[in-house]
Amino acid sequence: MGITKTEVFNLEQNELAEFAKALAHPARIAILQYLIKHQTCICGDLVNVLPLSQSTISQHLKELRRIGIIRGNIEGPKICYCINAKIWQKAQKMIGRIFSSMKCC
């Protein structure tokens, strides 16, 4: 496997690439949409909504937690997930800067 050379890119480029990598699966987009719509979620709810097993959903949640875009609070035997507003806004700003920097060709 080749070296990625991420160290030659600035912090924002690396962070944005991590967000893009974590969002690069339709199941993760569906999870985020569900969390945004419902403002909170218990992991078991996602099994009833998505055509995926509990273990697969857990893996997707783990990846979204890794970049910090969601957070989970333990409530008894369950974990309640929600959008991490601070990280969500940071991602929006980074993505927005890329799109807004484009001048018409």
PDB file of N, CA and C in Angstrom:
ATOM      1  N   MET A   1       0.844  -1.173   0.000  1.00  0.00           N
ATOM      2  CA  MET A   1       0.000   0.000   0.000  1.00  0.00           C
ATOM      3  C   MET A   1       0.889   1.236   0.000  1.00  0.00           C
ATOM      4  N   GLY A   2       0.567   2.228  -0.821  1.00  0.00           N
ATOM      5  CA  GLY A   2       1.379   3.420  -0.952  1.00  0.00           C
ATOM      6  C   GLY A   2       1.214   4.383   0.208  1.00  0.00           C
ATOM      7  N   ILE A   3       2.150   5.300   0.295  1.00  0.00           N
ATOM      8  CA  ILE A   3       2.108   6.334   1.313  1.00  0.00           C
ATOM      9  C   ILE A   3       1.157   7.431   0.840  1.00  0.00           C
ATOM     10  N   THR A   4       0.310   7.928   1.730  1.00  0.00           N
ATOM     11  CA  THR A   4      -0.694   8.916   1.335  1.00  0.00           C
ATOM     12  C   THR A   4      -0.145  10.336   1.300  1.00  0.00           C
ATOM     13  N   LYS A   5       0.957  10.606   1.987  1.00  0.00           N
ATOM     14  CA  LYS A   5       1.592  11.921   2.021  1.00  0.00           C
ATOM     15  C   LYS A   5       0.651  13.014   2.521  1.00  0.00           C
ATOM     16  N   THR A   6      -0.219  12.687   3.461  1.00  0.00           N
ATOM     17  CA  THR A   6      -1.145  13.681   3.995  1.00  0.00           C
ATOM     18  C   THR A   6      -0.416  14.831   4.674  1.00  0.00           C
ATOM     19  N   GLU A   7       0.801  14.606   5.128  1.00  0.00           N
ATOM     20  CA  GLU A   7       1.535  15.651   5.830  1.00  0.00           C
ATOM     21  C   GLU A   7       1.926  16.825   4.931  1.00  0.00           C
ATOM     22  N   VAL A   8       1.848  16.661   3.619  1.00  0.00           N
ATOM     23  CA  VAL A   8       2.194  17.766   2.714  1.00  0.00           C
ATOM     24  C   VAL A   8       1.011  18.708   2.487  1.00  0.00           C
ATOM     25  N   PHE A   9      -0.151  18.374   3.058  1.00  0.00           N
ATOM     26  CA  PHE A   9      -1.344  19.202   2.914  1.00  0.00           C
ATOM     27  C   PHE A   9      -1.641  19.900   4.234  1.00  0.00           C
ATOM     28  N   ASN A  10      -2.336  21.040   4.167  1.00  0.00           N
ATOM     29  CA  ASN A  10      -2.591  21.783   5.396  1.00  0.00           C
ATOM     30  C   ASN A  10      -3.677  21.105   6.237  1.00  0.00           C
ATOM     31  N   LEU A  11      -3.827  21.614   7.447  1.00  0.00           N
ATOM     32  CA  LEU A  11      -4.754  21.014   8.410  1.00  0.00           C
ATOM     33  C   LEU A  11      -6.182  20.984   7.877  1.00  0.00           C
ATOM     34  N   GLU A  12      -6.649  22.096   7.296  1.00  0.00           N
ATOM     35  CA  GLU A  12      -8.023  22.137   6.798  1.00  0.00           C
ATOM     36  C   GLU A  12      -8.231  21.148   5.657  1.00  0.00           C
ATOM     37  N   GLN A  13      -7.266  21.019   4.776  1.00  0.00           N
ATOM     38  CA  GLN A  13      -7.391  20.050   3.684  1.00  0.00           C
ATOM     39  C   GLN A  13      -7.490  18.630   4.227  1.00  0.00           C
ATOM     40  N   ASN A  14      -6.689  18.311   5.222  1.00  0.00           N
ATOM     41  CA  ASN A  14      -6.748  16.983   5.832  1.00  0.00           C
ATOM     42  C   ASN A  14      -8.055  16.754   6.573  1.00  0.00           C
ATOM     43  N   GLU A  15      -8.528  17.765   7.301  1.00  0.00           N
ATOM     44  CA  GLU A  15      -9.791  17.622   8.025  1.00  0.00           C
ATOM     45  C   GLU A  15     -10.960  17.448   7.059  1.00  0.00           C
ATOM     46  N   LEU A  16     -10.984  18.250   6.012  1.00  0.00           N
ATOM     47  CA  LEU A  16     -12.067  18.147   5.032  1.00  0.00           C
ATOM     48  C   LEU A  16     -12.043  16.786   4.337  1.00  0.00           C
ATOM     49  N   ALA A  17     -10.864  16.288   4.050  1.00  0.00           N
ATOM     50  CA  ALA A  17     -10.751  14.960   3.442  1.00  0.00           C
ATOM     51  C   ALA A  17     -11.295  13.877   4.381  1.00  0.00           C
ATOM     52  N   GLU A  18     -11.059  14.020   5.681  1.00  0.00           N
ATOM     53  CA  GLU A  18     -11.588  13.064   6.655  1.00  0.00           C
ATOM     54  C   GLU A  18     -13.115  13.126   6.714  1.00  0.00           C
ATOM     55  N   PHE A  19     -13.672  14.334   6.672  1.00  0.00           N
ATOM     56  CA  PHE A  19     -15.126  14.463   6.628  1.00  0.00           C
ATOM     57  C   PHE A  19     -15.676  13.796   5.368  1.00  0.00           C
ATOM     58  N   ALA A  20     -15.060  14.100   4.234  1.00  0.00           N
ATOM     59  CA  ALA A  20     -15.533  13.543   2.969  1.00  0.00           C
ATOM     60  C   ALA A  20     -15.462  12.015   2.991  1.00  0.00           C
ATOM     61  N   LYS A  21     -14.377  11.492   3.530  1.00  0.00           N
ATOM     62  CA  LYS A  21     -14.217  10.038   3.606  1.00  0.00           C
ATOM     63  C   LYS A  21     -15.304   9.417   4.491  1.00  0.00           C
ATOM     64  N   ALA A  22     -15.595  10.051   5.608  1.00  0.00           N
ATOM     65  CA  ALA A  22     -16.609   9.512   6.519  1.00  0.00           C
ATOM     66  C   ALA A  22     -18.012   9.634   5.939  1.00  0.00           C
ATOM     67  N   LEU A  23     -18.237  10.638   5.111  1.00  0.00           N
ATOM     68  CA  LEU A  23     -19.567  10.832   4.527  1.00  0.00           C
ATOM     69  C   LEU A  23     -19.759  10.058   3.227  1.00  0.00           C
ATOM     70  N   ALA A  24     -18.732   9.381   2.777  1.00  0.00           N
ATOM     71  CA  ALA A  24     -18.744   8.736   1.466  1.00  0.00           C
ATOM     72  C   ALA A  24     -19.438   7.377   1.454  1.00  0.00           C
ATOM     73  N   HIS A  25     -20.514   7.257   2.180  1.00  0.00           N
ATOM     74  CA  HIS A  25     -21.320   6.032   2.136  1.00  0.00           C
ATOM     75  C   HIS A  25     -22.784   6.439   2.315  1.00  0.00           C
ATOM     76  N   PRO A  26     -23.680   5.943   1.473  1.00  0.00           N
ATOM     77  CA  PRO A  26     -25.086   6.347   1.570  1.00  0.00           C
ATOM     78  C   PRO A  26     -25.734   6.012   2.915  1.00  0.00           C
ATOM     79  N   ALA A  27     -25.280   4.973   3.579  1.00  0.00           N
ATOM     80  CA  ALA A  27     -25.848   4.639   4.892  1.00  0.00           C
ATOM     81  C   ALA A  27     -25.532   5.733   5.901  1.00  0.00           C
ATOM     82  N   ARG A  28     -24.340   6.303   5.816  1.00  0.00           N
ATOM     83  CA  ARG A  28     -23.956   7.365   6.756  1.00  0.00           C
ATOM     84  C   ARG A  28     -24.740   8.646   6.474  1.00  0.00           C
ATOM     85  N   ILE A  29     -24.990   8.902   5.214  1.00  0.00           N
ATOM     86  CA  ILE A  29     -25.818  10.055   4.860  1.00  0.00           C
ATOM     87  C   ILE A  29     -27.233   9.848   5.398  1.00  0.00           C
ATOM     88  N   ALA A  30     -27.773   8.640   5.246  1.00  0.00           N
ATOM     89  CA  ALA A  30     -29.117   8.333   5.760  1.00  0.00           C
ATOM     90  C   ALA A  30     -29.163   8.467   7.280  1.00  0.00           C
ATOM     91  N   ILE A  31     -28.117   8.035   7.962  1.00  0.00           N
ATOM     92  CA  ILE A  31     -28.056   8.168   9.419  1.00  0.00           C
ATOM     93  C   ILE A  31     -28.069   9.639   9.810  1.00  0.00           C
ATOM     94  N   LEU A  32     -27.252  10.445   9.146  1.00  0.00           N
ATOM     95  CA  LEU A  32     -27.215  11.877   9.446  1.00  0.00           C
ATOM     96  C   LEU A  32     -28.566  12.535   9.175  1.00  0.00           C
ATOM     97  N   GLN A  33     -29.194  12.186   8.063  1.00  0.00           N
ATOM     98  CA  GLN A  33     -30.510  12.750   7.747  1.00  0.00           C
ATOM     99  C   GLN A  33     -31.537  12.383   8.812  1.00  0.00           C
ATOM    100  N   TYR A  34     -31.488  11.150   9.278  1.00  0.00           N
ATOM    101  CA  TYR A  34     -32.410  10.710  10.326  1.00  0.00           C
ATOM    102  C   TYR A  34     -32.174  11.486  11.616  1.00  0.00           C
ATOM    103  N   LEU A  35     -30.908  11.635  11.997  1.00  0.00           N
ATOM    104  CA  LEU A  35     -30.582  12.364  13.223  1.00  0.00           C
ATOM    105  C   LEU A  35     -30.993  13.837  13.126  1.00  0.00           C
ATOM    106  N   ILE A  36     -30.785  14.436  11.963  1.00  0.00           N
ATOM    107  CA  ILE A  36     -31.172  15.835  11.765  1.00  0.00           C
ATOM    108  C   ILE A  36     -32.687  15.977  11.866  1.00  0.00           C
ATOM    109  N   LYS A  37     -33.396  15.081  11.238  1.00  0.00           N
ATOM    110  CA  LYS A  37     -34.864  15.149  11.229  1.00  0.00           C
ATOM    111  C   LYS A  37     -35.448  14.945  12.627  1.00  0.00           C
ATOM    112  N   HIS A  38     -34.886  14.010  13.386  1.00  0.00           N
ATOM    113  CA  HIS A  38     -35.461  13.652  14.682  1.00  0.00           C
ATOM    114  C   HIS A  38     -34.765  14.304  15.865  1.00  0.00           C
ATOM    115  N   GLN A  39     -33.668  15.017  15.627  1.00  0.00           N
ATOM    116  CA  GLN A  39     -32.922  15.730  16.666  1.00  0.00           C
ATOM    117  C   GLN A  39     -32.253  14.810  17.688  1.00  0.00           C
ATOM    118  N   THR A  40     -32.648  13.577  17.763  1.00  0.00           N
ATOM    119  CA  THR A  40     -32.015  12.609  18.646  1.00  0.00           C
ATOM    120  C   THR A  40     -32.387  11.219  18.151  1.00  0.00           C
ATOM    121  N   CYS A  41     -31.680  10.233  18.590  1.00  0.00           N
ATOM    122  CA  CYS A  41     -31.946   8.879  18.094  1.00  0.00           C
ATOM    123  C   CYS A  41     -31.321   7.866  19.022  1.00  0.00           C
ATOM    124  N   ILE A  42     -32.001   6.778  19.202  1.00  0.00           N
ATOM    125  CA  ILE A  42     -31.419   5.633  19.891  1.00  0.00           C
ATOM    126  C   ILE A  42     -31.034   4.649  18.802  1.00  0.00           C
ATOM    127  N   CYS A  43     -29.876   4.089  18.889  1.00  0.00           N
ATOM    128  CA  CYS A  43     -29.335   3.242  17.833  1.00  0.00           C
ATOM    129  C   CYS A  43     -30.332   2.210  17.323  1.00  0.00           C
ATOM    130  N   GLY A  44     -31.123   1.633  18.200  1.00  0.00           N
ATOM    131  CA  GLY A  44     -32.110   0.644  17.799  1.00  0.00           C
ATOM    132  C   GLY A  44     -33.129   1.182  16.809  1.00  0.00           C
ATOM    133  N   ASP A  45     -33.422   2.475  16.895  1.00  0.00           N
ATOM    134  CA  ASP A  45     -34.361   3.094  15.955  1.00  0.00           C
ATOM    135  C   ASP A  45     -33.856   2.980  14.522  1.00  0.00           C
ATOM    136  N   LEU A  46     -32.572   3.093  14.344  1.00  0.00           N
ATOM    137  CA  LEU A  46     -31.996   3.053  13.001  1.00  0.00           C
ATOM    138  C   LEU A  46     -32.183   1.688  12.346  1.00  0.00           C
ATOM    139  N   VAL A  47     -32.195   0.636  13.136  1.00  0.00           N
ATOM    140  CA  VAL A  47     -32.400  -0.713  12.596  1.00  0.00           C
ATOM    141  C   VAL A  47     -33.796  -0.831  11.995  1.00  0.00           C
ATOM    142  N   ASN A  48     -34.751  -0.099  12.556  1.00  0.00           N
ATOM    143  CA  ASN A  48     -36.118  -0.124  12.029  1.00  0.00           C
ATOM    144  C   ASN A  48     -36.276   0.734  10.783  1.00  0.00           C
ATOM    145  N   VAL A  49     -35.343   1.644  10.547  1.00  0.00           N
ATOM    146  CA  VAL A  49     -35.443   2.592   9.443  1.00  0.00           C
ATOM    147  C   VAL A  49     -34.573   2.191   8.251  1.00  0.00           C
ATOM    148  N   LEU A  50     -33.389   1.703   8.515  1.00  0.00           N
ATOM    149  CA  LEU A  50     -32.443   1.350   7.455  1.00  0.00           C
ATOM    150  C   LEU A  50     -32.428  -0.153   7.203  1.00  0.00           C
ATOM    151  N   PRO A  51     -32.200  -0.563   5.970  1.00  0.00           N
ATOM    152  CA  PRO A  51     -32.173  -1.989   5.651  1.00  0.00           C
ATOM    153  C   PRO A  51     -30.803  -2.613   5.951  1.00  0.00           C
ATOM    154  N   LEU A  52     -30.330  -2.369   7.169  1.00  0.00           N
ATOM    155  CA  LEU A  52     -29.008  -2.855   7.568  1.00  0.00           C
ATOM    156  C   LEU A  52     -29.103  -3.530   8.931  1.00  0.00           C
ATOM    157  N   SER A  53     -28.159  -4.395   9.202  1.00  0.00           N
ATOM    158  CA  SER A  53     -28.137  -5.067  10.500  1.00  0.00           C
ATOM    159  C   SER A  53     -27.625  -4.118  11.574  1.00  0.00           C
ATOM    160  N   GLN A  54     -27.890  -4.470  12.828  1.00  0.00           N
ATOM    161  CA  GLN A  54     -27.432  -3.672  13.964  1.00  0.00           C
ATOM    162  C   GLN A  54     -25.914  -3.511  13.928  1.00  0.00           C
ATOM    163  N   SER A  55     -25.188  -4.577  13.633  1.00  0.00           N
ATOM    164  CA  SER A  55     -23.725  -4.494  13.636  1.00  0.00           C
ATOM    165  C   SER A  55     -23.209  -3.565  12.524  1.00  0.00           C
ATOM    166  N   THR A  56     -23.857  -3.594  11.366  1.00  0.00           N
ATOM    167  CA  THR A  56     -23.450  -2.720  10.262  1.00  0.00           C
ATOM    168  C   THR A  56     -23.727  -1.266  10.619  1.00  0.00           C
ATOM    169  N   ILE A  57     -24.883  -0.999  11.201  1.00  0.00           N
ATOM    170  CA  ILE A  57     -25.212   0.364  11.618  1.00  0.00           C
ATOM    171  C   ILE A  57     -24.220   0.833  12.679  1.00  0.00           C
ATOM    172  N   SER A  58     -23.868  -0.035  13.594  1.00  0.00           N
ATOM    173  CA  SER A  58     -22.891   0.327  14.624  1.00  0.00           C
ATOM    174  C   SER A  58     -21.554   0.721  14.017  1.00  0.00           C
ATOM    175  N   GLN A  59     -21.128   0.014  12.974  1.00  0.00           N
ATOM    176  CA  GLN A  59     -19.869   0.355  12.303  1.00  0.00           C
ATOM    177  C   GLN A  59     -19.957   1.734  11.645  1.00  0.00           C
ATOM    178  N   HIS A  60     -21.085   2.030  11.033  1.00  0.00           N
ATOM    179  CA  HIS A  60     -21.261   3.348  10.410  1.00  0.00           C
ATOM    180  C   HIS A  60     -21.295   4.452  11.475  1.00  0.00           C
ATOM    181  N   LEU A  61     -21.970   4.190  12.588  1.00  0.00           N
ATOM    182  CA  LEU A  61     -21.995   5.155  13.685  1.00  0.00           C
ATOM    183  C   LEU A  61     -20.585   5.386  14.234  1.00  0.00           C
ATOM    184  N   LYS A  62     -19.827   4.333  14.321  1.00  0.00           N
ATOM    185  CA  LYS A  62     -18.448   4.437  14.813  1.00  0.00           C
ATOM    186  C   LYS A  62     -17.631   5.369  13.915  1.00  0.00           C
ATOM    187  N   GLU A  63     -17.788   5.260  12.615  1.00  0.00           N
ATOM    188  CA  GLU A  63     -17.055   6.113  11.681  1.00  0.00           C
ATOM    189  C   GLU A  63     -17.503   7.574  11.805  1.00  0.00           C
ATOM    190  N   LEU A  64     -18.773   7.812  11.971  1.00  0.00           N
ATOM    191  CA  LEU A  64     -19.269   9.175  12.149  1.00  0.00           C
ATOM    192  C   LEU A  64     -18.811   9.765  13.484  1.00  0.00           C
ATOM    193  N   ARG A  65     -18.733   8.932  14.509  1.00  0.00           N
ATOM    194  CA  ARG A  65     -18.209   9.386  15.806  1.00  0.00           C
ATOM    195  C   ARG A  65     -16.718   9.685  15.708  1.00  0.00           C
ATOM    196  N   ARG A  66     -16.008   8.920  14.907  1.00  0.00           N
ATOM    197  CA  ARG A  66     -14.554   9.086  14.762  1.00  0.00           C
ATOM    198  C   ARG A  66     -14.213  10.506  14.312  1.00  0.00           C
ATOM    199  N   ILE A  67     -15.003  11.061  13.388  1.00  0.00           N
ATOM    200  CA  ILE A  67     -14.728  12.416  12.927  1.00  0.00           C
ATOM    201  C   ILE A  67     -15.425  13.462  13.797  1.00  0.00           C
ATOM    202  N   GLY A  68     -16.224  13.012  14.753  1.00  0.00           N
ATOM    203  CA  GLY A  68     -16.848  13.914  15.706  1.00  0.00           C
ATOM    204  C   GLY A  68     -18.137  14.550  15.246  1.00  0.00           C
ATOM    205  N   ILE A  69     -18.640  14.164  14.084  1.00  0.00           N
ATOM    206  CA  ILE A  69     -19.845  14.810  13.558  1.00  0.00           C
ATOM    207  C   ILE A  69     -21.106  14.360  14.295  1.00  0.00           C
ATOM    208  N   ILE A  70     -21.020  13.231  14.983  1.00  0.00           N
ATOM    209  CA  ILE A  70     -22.095  12.820  15.896  1.00  0.00           C
ATOM    210  C   ILE A  70     -21.470  12.519  17.244  1.00  0.00           C
ATOM    211  N   ARG A  71     -22.312  12.532  18.256  1.00  0.00           N
ATOM    212  CA  ARG A  71     -21.862  12.152  19.590  1.00  0.00           C
ATOM    213  C   ARG A  71     -22.921  11.250  20.195  1.00  0.00           C
ATOM    214  N   GLY A  72     -22.508  10.472  21.159  1.00  0.00           N
ATOM    215  CA  GLY A  72     -23.445   9.556  21.792  1.00  0.00           C
ATOM    216  C   GLY A  72     -23.425   9.693  23.295  1.00  0.00           C
ATOM    217  N   ASN A  73     -24.604   9.647  23.883  1.00  0.00           N
ATOM    218  CA  ASN A  73     -24.750   9.686  25.336  1.00  0.00           C
ATOM    219  C   ASN A  73     -25.340   8.369  25.795  1.00  0.00           C
ATOM    220  N   ILE A  74     -24.742   7.789  26.808  1.00  0.00           N
ATOM    221  CA  ILE A  74     -25.233   6.518  27.334  1.00  0.00           C
ATOM    222  C   ILE A  74     -26.443   6.782  28.209  1.00  0.00           C
ATOM    223  N   GLU A  75     -27.541   6.110  27.879  1.00  0.00           N
ATOM    224  CA  GLU A  75     -28.784   6.201  28.650  1.00  0.00           C
ATOM    225  C   GLU A  75     -29.213   4.781  28.980  1.00  0.00           C
ATOM    226  N   GLY A  76     -28.806   4.326  30.145  1.00  0.00           N
ATOM    227  CA  GLY A  76     -29.086   2.943  30.527  1.00  0.00           C
ATOM    228  C   GLY A  76     -28.320   2.001  29.614  1.00  0.00           C
ATOM    229  N   PRO A  77     -28.997   0.993  29.061  1.00  0.00           N
ATOM    230  CA  PRO A  77     -28.309   0.041  28.192  1.00  0.00           C
ATOM    231  C   PRO A  77     -28.187   0.519  26.743  1.00  0.00           C
ATOM    232  N   LYS A  78     -28.647   1.740  26.439  1.00  0.00           N
ATOM    233  CA  LYS A  78     -28.644   2.235  25.066  1.00  0.00           C
ATOM    234  C   LYS A  78     -27.774   3.482  24.945  1.00  0.00           C
ATOM    235  N   ILE A  79     -27.381   3.773  23.723  1.00  0.00           N
ATOM    236  CA  ILE A  79     -26.650   5.003  23.443  1.00  0.00           C
ATOM    237  C   ILE A  79     -27.523   5.874  22.556  1.00  0.00           C
ATOM    238  N   CYS A  80     -27.739   7.098  22.990  1.00  0.00           N
ATOM    239  CA  CYS A  80     -28.554   8.050  22.244  1.00  0.00           C
ATOM    240  C   CYS A  80     -27.604   8.932  21.434  1.00  0.00           C
ATOM    241  N   TYR A  81     -27.744   8.913  20.115  1.00  0.00           N
ATOM    242  CA  TYR A  81     -26.868   9.672  19.234  1.00  0.00           C
ATOM    243  C   TYR A  81     -27.523  10.963  18.780  1.00  0.00           C
ATOM    244  N   CYS A  82     -26.699  11.988  18.562  1.00  0.00           N
ATOM    245  CA  CYS A  82     -27.186  13.245  18.008  1.00  0.00           C
ATOM    246  C   CYS A  82     -26.054  13.912  17.227  1.00  0.00           C
ATOM    247  N   ILE A  83     -26.428  14.914  16.439  1.00  0.00           N
ATOM    248  CA  ILE A  83     -25.454  15.683  15.674  1.00  0.00           C
ATOM    249  C   ILE A  83     -24.648  16.546  16.640  1.00  0.00           C
ATOM    250  N   ASN A  84     -23.350  16.598  16.444  1.00  0.00           N
ATOM    251  CA  ASN A  84     -22.482  17.483  17.211  1.00  0.00           C
ATOM    252  C   ASN A  84     -22.468  18.827  16.477  1.00  0.00           C
ATOM    253  N   ALA A  85     -23.246  19.778  16.962  1.00  0.00           N
ATOM    254  CA  ALA A  85     -23.458  21.053  16.260  1.00  0.00           C
ATOM    255  C   ALA A  85     -22.157  21.793  15.972  1.00  0.00           C
ATOM    256  N   LYS A  86     -21.230  21.780  16.886  1.00  0.00           N
ATOM    257  CA  LYS A  86     -19.956  22.497  16.697  1.00  0.00           C
ATOM    258  C   LYS A  86     -19.179  21.920  15.510  1.00  0.00           C
ATOM    259  N   ILE A  87     -19.076  20.611  15.437  1.00  0.00           N
ATOM    260  CA  ILE A  87     -18.343  19.966  14.339  1.00  0.00           C
ATOM    261  C   ILE A  87     -19.132  20.087  13.044  1.00  0.00           C
ATOM    262  N   TRP A  88     -20.461  19.988  13.125  1.00  0.00           N
ATOM    263  CA  TRP A  88     -21.316  20.139  11.938  1.00  0.00           C
ATOM    264  C   TRP A  88     -21.085  21.510  11.302  1.00  0.00           C
ATOM    265  N   GLN A  89     -21.069  22.557  12.129  1.00  0.00           N
ATOM    266  CA  GLN A  89     -20.846  23.914  11.619  1.00  0.00           C
ATOM    267  C   GLN A  89     -19.452  24.074  11.030  1.00  0.00           C
ATOM    268  N   LYS A  90     -18.477  23.454  11.649  1.00  0.00           N
ATOM    269  CA  LYS A  90     -17.103  23.504  11.126  1.00  0.00           C
ATOM    270  C   LYS A  90     -17.046  22.867   9.749  1.00  0.00           C
ATOM    271  N   ALA A  91     -17.681  21.705   9.591  1.00  0.00           N
ATOM    272  CA  ALA A  91     -17.707  21.022   8.289  1.00  0.00           C
ATOM    273  C   ALA A  91     -18.421  21.874   7.254  1.00  0.00           C
ATOM    274  N   GLN A  92     -19.548  22.490   7.645  1.00  0.00           N
ATOM    275  CA  GLN A  92     -20.287  23.368   6.730  1.00  0.00           C
ATOM    276  C   GLN A  92     -19.412  24.513   6.240  1.00  0.00           C
ATOM    277  N   LYS A  93     -18.666  25.121   7.135  1.00  0.00           N
ATOM    278  CA  LYS A  93     -17.798  26.243   6.768  1.00  0.00           C
ATOM    279  C   LYS A  93     -16.702  25.798   5.803  1.00  0.00           C
ATOM    280  N   MET A  94     -16.076  24.661   6.097  1.00  0.00           N
ATOM    281  CA  MET A  94     -15.005  24.185   5.226  1.00  0.00           C
ATOM    282  C   MET A  94     -15.527  23.863   3.826  1.00  0.00           C
ATOM    283  N   ILE A  95     -16.644  23.171   3.762  1.00  0.00           N
ATOM    284  CA  ILE A  95     -17.236  22.820   2.469  1.00  0.00           C
ATOM    285  C   ILE A  95     -17.706  24.080   1.754  1.00  0.00           C
ATOM    286  N   GLY A  96     -18.307  24.997   2.504  1.00  0.00           N
ATOM    287  CA  GLY A  96     -18.784  26.252   1.935  1.00  0.00           C
ATOM    288  C   GLY A  96     -17.661  27.068   1.308  1.00  0.00           C
ATOM    289  N   ARG A  97     -16.489  27.068   1.955  1.00  0.00           N
ATOM    290  CA  ARG A  97     -15.354  27.825   1.405  1.00  0.00           C
ATOM    291  C   ARG A  97     -14.930  27.273   0.047  1.00  0.00           C
ATOM    292  N   ILE A  98     -14.981  25.983  -0.117  1.00  0.00           N
ATOM    293  CA  ILE A  98     -14.610  25.394  -1.407  1.00  0.00           C
ATOM    294  C   ILE A  98     -15.604  25.821  -2.477  1.00  0.00           C
ATOM    295  N   PHE A  99     -16.901  25.673  -2.174  1.00  0.00           N
ATOM    296  CA  PHE A  99     -17.922  26.007  -3.166  1.00  0.00           C
ATOM    297  C   PHE A  99     -17.981  27.504  -3.461  1.00  0.00           C
ATOM    298  N   SER A 100     -17.801  28.320  -2.449  1.00  0.00           N
ATOM    299  CA  SER A 100     -17.897  29.771  -2.667  1.00  0.00           C
ATOM    300  C   SER A 100     -16.658  30.338  -3.357  1.00  0.00           C
ATOM    301  N   SER A 101     -15.552  29.613  -3.352  1.00  0.00           N
ATOM    302  CA  SER A 101     -14.331  30.111  -3.992  1.00  0.00           C
ATOM    303  C   SER A 101     -14.377  29.978  -5.518  1.00  0.00           C
ATOM    304  N   MET A 102     -15.338  29.226  -6.033  1.00  0.00           N
ATOM    305  CA  MET A 102     -15.463  29.025  -7.475  1.00  0.00           C
ATOM    306  C   MET A 102     -16.044  30.263  -8.130  1.00  0.00           C
ATOM    307  N   LYS A 103     -15.307  30.791  -9.086  1.00  0.00           N
ATOM    308  CA  LYS A 103     -15.794  31.913  -9.884  1.00  0.00           C
ATOM    309  C   LYS A 103     -16.290  31.327 -11.200  1.00  0.00           C
ATOM    310  N   CYS A 104     -17.285  31.927 -11.748  1.00  0.00           N
ATOM    311  CA  CYS A 104     -17.873  31.425 -12.987  1.00  0.00           C
ATOM    312  C   CYS A 104     -16.817  31.352 -14.097  1.00  0.00           C
ATOM    313  N   CYS A 105     -16.823  30.281 -14.850  1.00  0.00           N
ATOM    314  CA  CYS A 105     -15.814  30.115 -15.909  1.00  0.00           C
ATOM    315  C   CYS A 105     -16.247  30.698 -17.235  1.00  0.00           C
TER     316      CYS A 105
END
